[in-house]
Amino acid sequence: MNATSKKYFFAGSFVLLTIIDQIFKYIIRQQGGFYVCNKGVAFSLPIPWWIIYTFFALFFIFIVLYLLGKIKFESFIINQWGLILVAGGALGNLIDRLNFGCVVDFIDLKIFPVFNLADIFIFCGVVLILWKARGEKEISSETSEKQSS
């Protein structure tokens, strides 16, 4: 796959995840299912709105720079799938914030705060990114140990 195809795949993938998240939220709202309007961030933590929107703006600037070819994945310790998941989840939650002033959370396990598919995407994406970063750190330390021997 060439660089342009990868970018279209990247953009299409995170848009698809956003659409899936929004479809589930729409169905829950329209069918009268259980949901809460979360004005906080992860786990309903109260954070000022300007911090949330600043984070979203910076994150999407990063995404646009990648799509325009100004940032290459090889220059970062990052996992492309992780970034796709985080971007899809972040966009889904941003759409909620812009439309409703809150994030629609509808998954209630009773032992954990209520959350949604976008939160799952973000969590899994961050785990993949951290896993990739840890793996590359181990590889680079093994390489430097071999070179010093």
C-alpha atoms as a PDB file:
ATOM      1  CA  MET A   1       0.000   0.000   0.000  1.00  0.00           C
ATOM      2  CA  ASN A   2       1.477   3.365  -0.990  1.00  0.00           C
ATOM      3  CA  ALA A   3       1.557   6.417   1.307  1.00  0.00           C
ATOM      4  CA  THR A   4      -1.580   8.003  -0.176  1.00  0.00           C
ATOM      5  CA  SER A   5      -3.569   4.776   0.173  1.00  0.00           C
ATOM      6  CA  LYS A   6      -2.442   4.466   3.793  1.00  0.00           C
ATOM      7  CA  LYS A   7      -3.688   7.976   4.533  1.00  0.00           C
ATOM      8  CA  TYR A   8      -7.081   7.270   2.945  1.00  0.00           C
ATOM      9  CA  PHE A   9      -7.274   4.007   4.877  1.00  0.00           C
ATOM     10  CA  PHE A  10      -6.356   5.845   8.090  1.00  0.00           C
ATOM     11  CA  ALA A  11      -8.948   8.591   7.530  1.00  0.00           C
ATOM     12  CA  GLY A  12     -11.636   6.136   6.429  1.00  0.00           C
ATOM     13  CA  SER A  13     -11.017   3.845   9.385  1.00  0.00           C
ATOM     14  CA  PHE A  14     -11.358   6.486  12.051  1.00  0.00           C
ATOM     15  CA  VAL A  15     -14.413   7.985  10.324  1.00  0.00           C
ATOM     16  CA  LEU A  16     -15.987   4.494  10.192  1.00  0.00           C
ATOM     17  CA  LEU A  17     -15.386   4.020  13.929  1.00  0.00           C
ATOM     18  CA  THR A  18     -16.964   7.416  14.573  1.00  0.00           C
ATOM     19  CA  ILE A  19     -20.018   6.470  12.498  1.00  0.00           C
ATOM     20  CA  ILE A  20     -20.402   3.173  14.385  1.00  0.00           C
ATOM     21  CA  ASP A  21     -20.215   5.040  17.717  1.00  0.00           C
ATOM     22  CA  GLN A  22     -22.770   7.620  16.576  1.00  0.00           C
ATOM     23  CA  ILE A  23     -25.176   4.977  15.250  1.00  0.00           C
ATOM     24  CA  PHE A  24     -25.203   3.179  18.607  1.00  0.00           C
ATOM     25  CA  LYS A  25     -25.744   6.456  20.484  1.00  0.00           C
ATOM     26  CA  TYR A  26     -28.550   7.437  18.100  1.00  0.00           C
ATOM     27  CA  ILE A  27     -30.311   4.090  18.547  1.00  0.00           C
ATOM     28  CA  ILE A  28     -30.037   4.301  22.343  1.00  0.00           C
ATOM     29  CA  ARG A  29     -31.449   7.849  22.397  1.00  0.00           C
ATOM     30  CA  GLN A  30     -34.252   7.117  19.904  1.00  0.00           C
ATOM     31  CA  GLN A  31     -35.349   3.818  21.448  1.00  0.00           C
ATOM     32  CA  GLY A  32     -35.521   5.268  24.953  1.00  0.00           C
ATOM     33  CA  GLY A  33     -32.637   3.148  26.207  1.00  0.00           C
ATOM     34  CA  PHE A  34     -30.563   3.950  29.262  1.00  0.00           C
ATOM     35  CA  TYR A  35     -27.981   6.696  28.839  1.00  0.00           C
ATOM     36  CA  VAL A  36     -26.446   9.540  30.807  1.00  0.00           C
ATOM     37  CA  CYS A  37     -25.284  12.931  29.629  1.00  0.00           C
ATOM     38  CA  ASN A  38     -21.664  13.119  30.819  1.00  0.00           C
ATOM     39  CA  LYS A  39     -20.393  16.705  31.025  1.00  0.00           C
ATOM     40  CA  GLY A  40     -17.027  15.607  32.442  1.00  0.00           C
ATOM     41  CA  VAL A  41     -14.270  13.653  30.749  1.00  0.00           C
ATOM     42  CA  ALA A  42     -13.178  10.069  31.292  1.00  0.00           C
ATOM     43  CA  PHE A  43     -14.985   8.535  34.249  1.00  0.00           C
ATOM     44  CA  SER A  44     -17.043  11.764  34.584  1.00  0.00           C
ATOM     45  CA  LEU A  45     -14.117  13.768  35.960  1.00  0.00           C
ATOM     46  CA  PRO A  46     -15.056  17.458  36.034  1.00  0.00           C
ATOM     47  CA  ILE A  47     -12.611  19.321  33.802  1.00  0.00           C
ATOM     48  CA  PRO A  48     -13.141  22.861  32.468  1.00  0.00           C
ATOM     49  CA  TRP A  49     -14.580  22.926  28.926  1.00  0.00           C
ATOM     50  CA  TRP A  50     -11.693  24.982  27.530  1.00  0.00           C
ATOM     51  CA  ILE A  51      -9.195  22.245  28.455  1.00  0.00           C
ATOM     52  CA  ILE A  52     -11.324  19.609  26.708  1.00  0.00           C
ATOM     53  CA  TYR A  53     -11.678  21.666  23.505  1.00  0.00           C
ATOM     54  CA  THR A  54      -7.985  22.619  23.527  1.00  0.00           C
ATOM     55  CA  PHE A  55      -7.058  18.932  23.726  1.00  0.00           C
ATOM     56  CA  PHE A  56      -9.440  18.071  20.865  1.00  0.00           C
ATOM     57  CA  ALA A  57      -8.105  20.938  18.744  1.00  0.00           C
ATOM     58  CA  LEU A  58      -4.471  19.905  19.240  1.00  0.00           C
ATOM     59  CA  PHE A  59      -5.274  16.262  18.593  1.00  0.00           C
ATOM     60  CA  PHE A  60      -7.084  16.997  15.343  1.00  0.00           C
ATOM     61  CA  ILE A  61      -4.331  19.379  14.219  1.00  0.00           C
ATOM     62  CA  PHE A  62      -1.976  16.414  14.663  1.00  0.00           C
ATOM     63  CA  ILE A  63      -4.306  14.222  12.571  1.00  0.00           C
ATOM     64  CA  VAL A  64      -4.571  16.834   9.790  1.00  0.00           C
ATOM     65  CA  LEU A  65      -0.791  17.283   9.733  1.00  0.00           C
ATOM     66  CA  TYR A  66      -0.394  13.533   9.352  1.00  0.00           C
ATOM     67  CA  LEU A  67      -2.945  13.385   6.540  1.00  0.00           C
ATOM     68  CA  LEU A  68      -1.169  16.262   4.758  1.00  0.00           C
ATOM     69  CA  GLY A  69       2.137  14.415   5.031  1.00  0.00           C
ATOM     70  CA  LYS A  70       3.757  16.876   7.454  1.00  0.00           C
ATOM     71  CA  ILE A  71       4.166  14.174  10.113  1.00  0.00           C
ATOM     72  CA  LYS A  72       5.322  10.638   9.411  1.00  0.00           C
ATOM     73  CA  PHE A  73       4.624   7.709  11.717  1.00  0.00           C
ATOM     74  CA  GLU A  74       8.221   6.571  11.491  1.00  0.00           C
ATOM     75  CA  SER A  75       9.258   9.692  13.427  1.00  0.00           C
ATOM     76  CA  PHE A  76       7.092   8.716  16.409  1.00  0.00           C
ATOM     77  CA  ILE A  77       6.940   5.731  18.715  1.00  0.00           C
ATOM     78  CA  ILE A  78       3.310   5.138  17.943  1.00  0.00           C
ATOM     79  CA  ASN A  79       1.013   2.473  16.665  1.00  0.00           C
ATOM     80  CA  GLN A  80      -1.111   3.379  13.638  1.00  0.00           C
ATOM     81  CA  TRP A  81      -4.040   1.262  14.792  1.00  0.00           C
ATOM     82  CA  GLY A  82      -3.818   2.873  18.208  1.00  0.00           C
ATOM     83  CA  LEU A  83      -4.026   6.307  16.645  1.00  0.00           C
ATOM     84  CA  ILE A  84      -6.969   5.261  14.448  1.00  0.00           C
ATOM     85  CA  LEU A  85      -8.866   4.018  17.523  1.00  0.00           C
ATOM     86  CA  VAL A  86      -8.100   7.142  19.555  1.00  0.00           C
ATOM     87  CA  ALA A  87      -9.041   9.431  16.643  1.00  0.00           C
ATOM     88  CA  GLY A  88     -12.324   7.608  15.996  1.00  0.00           C
ATOM     89  CA  GLY A  89     -13.300   7.684  19.654  1.00  0.00           C
ATOM     90  CA  ALA A  90     -12.259  11.297  20.143  1.00  0.00           C
ATOM     91  CA  LEU A  91     -14.245  12.413  17.098  1.00  0.00           C
ATOM     92  CA  GLY A  92     -17.316  10.500  18.286  1.00  0.00           C
ATOM     93  CA  ASN A  93     -17.202  12.158  21.695  1.00  0.00           C
ATOM     94  CA  LEU A  94     -16.470  15.582  20.163  1.00  0.00           C
ATOM     95  CA  ILE A  95     -19.583  15.285  17.980  1.00  0.00           C
ATOM     96  CA  ASP A  96     -21.608  14.602  21.146  1.00  0.00           C
ATOM     97  CA  ARG A  97     -20.113  17.592  22.952  1.00  0.00           C
ATOM     98  CA  LEU A  98     -20.838  19.908  20.044  1.00  0.00           C
ATOM     99  CA  ASN A  99     -24.404  18.600  19.545  1.00  0.00           C
ATOM    100  CA  PHE A 100     -25.534  18.024  23.126  1.00  0.00           C
ATOM    101  CA  GLY A 101     -23.019  19.823  25.379  1.00  0.00           C
ATOM    102  CA  CYS A 102     -22.091  16.451  26.862  1.00  0.00           C
ATOM    103  CA  VAL A 103     -21.049  12.935  25.890  1.00  0.00           C
ATOM    104  CA  VAL A 104     -23.763  10.280  25.621  1.00  0.00           C
ATOM    105  CA  ASP A 105     -22.678   7.319  27.782  1.00  0.00           C
ATOM    106  CA  PHE A 106     -24.828   4.183  27.728  1.00  0.00           C
ATOM    107  CA  ILE A 107     -22.791   1.131  28.797  1.00  0.00           C
ATOM    108  CA  ASP A 108     -23.346   0.507  32.504  1.00  0.00           C
ATOM    109  CA  LEU A 109     -21.547  -2.469  34.034  1.00  0.00           C
ATOM    110  CA  LYS A 110     -22.578  -1.385  37.556  1.00  0.00           C
ATOM    111  CA  ILE A 111     -18.989  -1.872  38.803  1.00  0.00           C
ATOM    112  CA  PHE A 112     -17.487   0.895  36.678  1.00  0.00           C
ATOM    113  CA  PRO A 113     -18.570   4.399  35.604  1.00  0.00           C
ATOM    114  CA  VAL A 114     -20.945   4.522  32.616  1.00  0.00           C
ATOM    115  CA  PHE A 115     -19.137   4.769  29.262  1.00  0.00           C
ATOM    116  CA  ASN A 116     -19.674   4.385  25.498  1.00  0.00           C
ATOM    117  CA  LEU A 117     -18.095   2.803  22.402  1.00  0.00           C
ATOM    118  CA  ALA A 118     -15.934   5.876  21.777  1.00  0.00           C
ATOM    119  CA  ASP A 119     -14.438   5.460  25.256  1.00  0.00           C
ATOM    120  CA  ILE A 120     -13.655   1.813  24.460  1.00  0.00           C
ATOM    121  CA  PHE A 121     -11.973   2.871  21.200  1.00  0.00           C
ATOM    122  CA  ILE A 122      -9.901   5.506  23.011  1.00  0.00           C
ATOM    123  CA  PHE A 123      -8.894   3.122  25.799  1.00  0.00           C
ATOM    124  CA  CYS A 124      -7.876   0.349  23.386  1.00  0.00           C
ATOM    125  CA  GLY A 125      -5.993   2.850  21.209  1.00  0.00           C
ATOM    126  CA  VAL A 126      -4.018   4.222  24.149  1.00  0.00           C
ATOM    127  CA  VAL A 127      -3.192   0.665  25.274  1.00  0.00           C
ATOM    128  CA  LEU A 128      -1.890  -0.161  21.777  1.00  0.00           C
ATOM    129  CA  ILE A 129       0.170   3.043  21.626  1.00  0.00           C
ATOM    130  CA  LEU A 130       1.711   2.409  25.050  1.00  0.00           C
ATOM    131  CA  TRP A 131       2.340  -1.250  24.216  1.00  0.00           C
ATOM    132  CA  LYS A 132       4.079  -0.272  20.985  1.00  0.00           C
ATOM    133  CA  ALA A 133       6.121   2.414  22.774  1.00  0.00           C
ATOM    134  CA  ARG A 134       7.193  -0.057  25.470  1.00  0.00           C
ATOM    135  CA  GLY A 135       8.136  -2.655  22.853  1.00  0.00           C
ATOM    136  CA  GLU A 136      10.213  -0.164  20.862  1.00  0.00           C
ATOM    137  CA  LYS A 137      11.934   1.016  24.052  1.00  0.00           C
ATOM    138  CA  GLU A 138      12.886  -2.590  24.857  1.00  0.00           C
ATOM    139  CA  ILE A 139      14.136  -3.170  21.303  1.00  0.00           C
ATOM    140  CA  SER A 140      16.252  -0.009  21.375  1.00  0.00           C
ATOM    141  CA  SER A 141      17.766  -0.935  24.762  1.00  0.00           C
ATOM    142  CA  GLU A 142      18.558  -4.470  23.503  1.00  0.00           C
ATOM    143  CA  THR A 143      20.169  -2.983  20.390  1.00  0.00           C
ATOM    144  CA  SER A 144      22.317  -0.593  22.437  1.00  0.00           C
ATOM    145  CA  GLU A 145      23.373  -3.450  24.772  1.00  0.00           C
ATOM    146  CA  LYS A 146      24.463  -5.542  21.759  1.00  0.00           C
ATOM    147  CA  GLN A 147      26.391  -2.613  20.294  1.00  0.00           C
ATOM    148  CA  SER A 148      28.229  -1.975  23.561  1.00  0.00           C
ATOM    149  CA  SER A 149      29.334  -5.644  23.812  1.00  0.00           C
END
